[in-house]
């Protein structure tokens, strides 16, 4: 994964944590990632798996926002329900 790809992935993971979709994430040895679910489960993923999982989770998050099922917490967001 390129440096730009890693930055994009970490930005998406940070947003998912900020928006309370995930509890936490961190880099794991051997270029892997560890994500922590709300059930307390720690999920270890390779970089490729983390990218796929994160893109899917982010797509679901955006779909929920678009359907107005959840309100984003992103600072400066002016969307109203």
Protein backbone atom coordinates (compact mmCIF):
# COMPACT_ATOMS: atom_id res chain seq x y z
CA UNK A 1 0.00 0.00 0.00
CA UNK A 2 1.36 3.41 -0.92
CA UNK A 3 1.91 6.16 1.62
CA UNK A 4 -1.08 8.04 0.20
CA UNK A 5 -3.20 4.89 0.50
CA UNK A 6 -2.17 4.48 4.14
CA UNK A 7 -3.02 8.11 4.88
CA UNK A 8 -6.44 7.70 3.22
CA UNK A 9 -7.09 4.51 5.21
CA UNK A 10 -6.06 6.07 8.51
CA UNK A 11 -8.23 9.12 7.81
CA UNK A 12 -11.27 6.90 7.17
CA UNK A 13 -10.56 4.89 10.33
CA UNK A 14 -10.21 8.11 12.34
CA UNK A 15 -13.60 9.32 11.06
CA UNK A 16 -15.22 5.96 11.91
CA UNK A 17 -13.89 6.25 15.47
CA UNK A 18 -14.91 9.91 15.76
CA UNK A 19 -18.40 9.07 14.50
CA UNK A 20 -18.61 6.19 17.04
CA UNK A 21 -18.79 3.43 14.43
CA UNK A 22 -15.63 1.88 15.92
CA UNK A 23 -14.26 2.08 19.43
CA UNK A 24 -10.60 2.28 18.38
CA UNK A 25 -8.01 1.22 15.86
CA UNK A 26 -4.23 0.96 15.75
CA UNK A 27 -1.49 -0.28 13.50
CA UNK A 28 -0.37 -3.81 14.21
CA UNK A 29 3.00 -5.46 13.47
CA UNK A 30 3.80 -6.45 9.90
CA UNK A 31 1.82 -3.59 8.36
CA UNK A 32 -1.44 -4.85 9.78
CA UNK A 33 -4.26 -3.12 11.61
CA UNK A 34 -6.22 -3.86 14.77
CA UNK A 35 -9.75 -2.53 15.08
CA UNK A 36 -11.88 -2.71 18.21
CA UNK A 37 -15.64 -3.19 17.89
CA UNK A 38 -18.27 -1.98 20.35
CA UNK A 39 -18.56 -5.55 21.60
CA UNK A 40 -14.92 -5.33 22.69
CA UNK A 41 -13.75 -7.67 19.95
CA UNK A 42 -10.27 -6.97 18.62
CA UNK A 43 -10.07 -7.76 14.93
CA UNK A 44 -6.62 -8.14 13.40
CA UNK A 45 -6.48 -7.40 9.67
CA UNK A 46 -3.85 -7.24 6.98
CA UNK A 47 -3.51 -3.87 5.25
CA UNK A 48 -5.56 -5.13 2.29
CA UNK A 49 -8.28 -6.55 4.55
CA UNK A 50 -8.36 -3.33 6.58
CA UNK A 51 -8.74 -1.28 3.41
CA UNK A 52 -11.63 -3.44 2.17
CA UNK A 53 -13.35 -3.54 5.57
CA UNK A 54 -12.94 0.20 6.10
CA UNK A 55 -14.28 1.12 2.68
CA UNK A 56 -17.35 -1.04 3.35
CA UNK A 57 -17.92 0.36 6.82
CA UNK A 58 -17.46 3.91 5.53
CA UNK A 59 -19.93 3.28 2.69
CA UNK A 60 -22.52 2.03 5.19
CA UNK A 61 -21.89 5.04 7.42
CA UNK A 62 -22.38 7.44 4.48
CA UNK A 63 -25.54 5.62 3.37
CA UNK A 64 -26.98 5.95 6.88
CA UNK A 65 -26.19 9.68 6.86
CA UNK A 66 -27.75 10.09 3.40
CA UNK A 67 -30.90 8.31 4.57
CA UNK A 68 -30.94 10.57 7.64
CA UNK A 69 -30.91 7.57 9.96
CA UNK A 70 -27.96 9.03 11.84
CA UNK A 71 -26.61 12.55 12.28
CA UNK A 72 -22.91 13.06 11.58
CA UNK A 73 -20.86 14.65 14.33
CA UNK A 74 -18.29 16.10 11.95
CA UNK A 75 -17.41 19.66 13.05
CA UNK A 76 -18.74 22.34 10.75
CA UNK A 77 -21.40 20.08 9.26
CA UNK A 78 -24.45 22.21 8.50
CA UNK A 79 -26.80 19.42 7.41
CA UNK A 80 -30.19 19.53 9.11
CA UNK A 81 -32.80 16.84 9.54
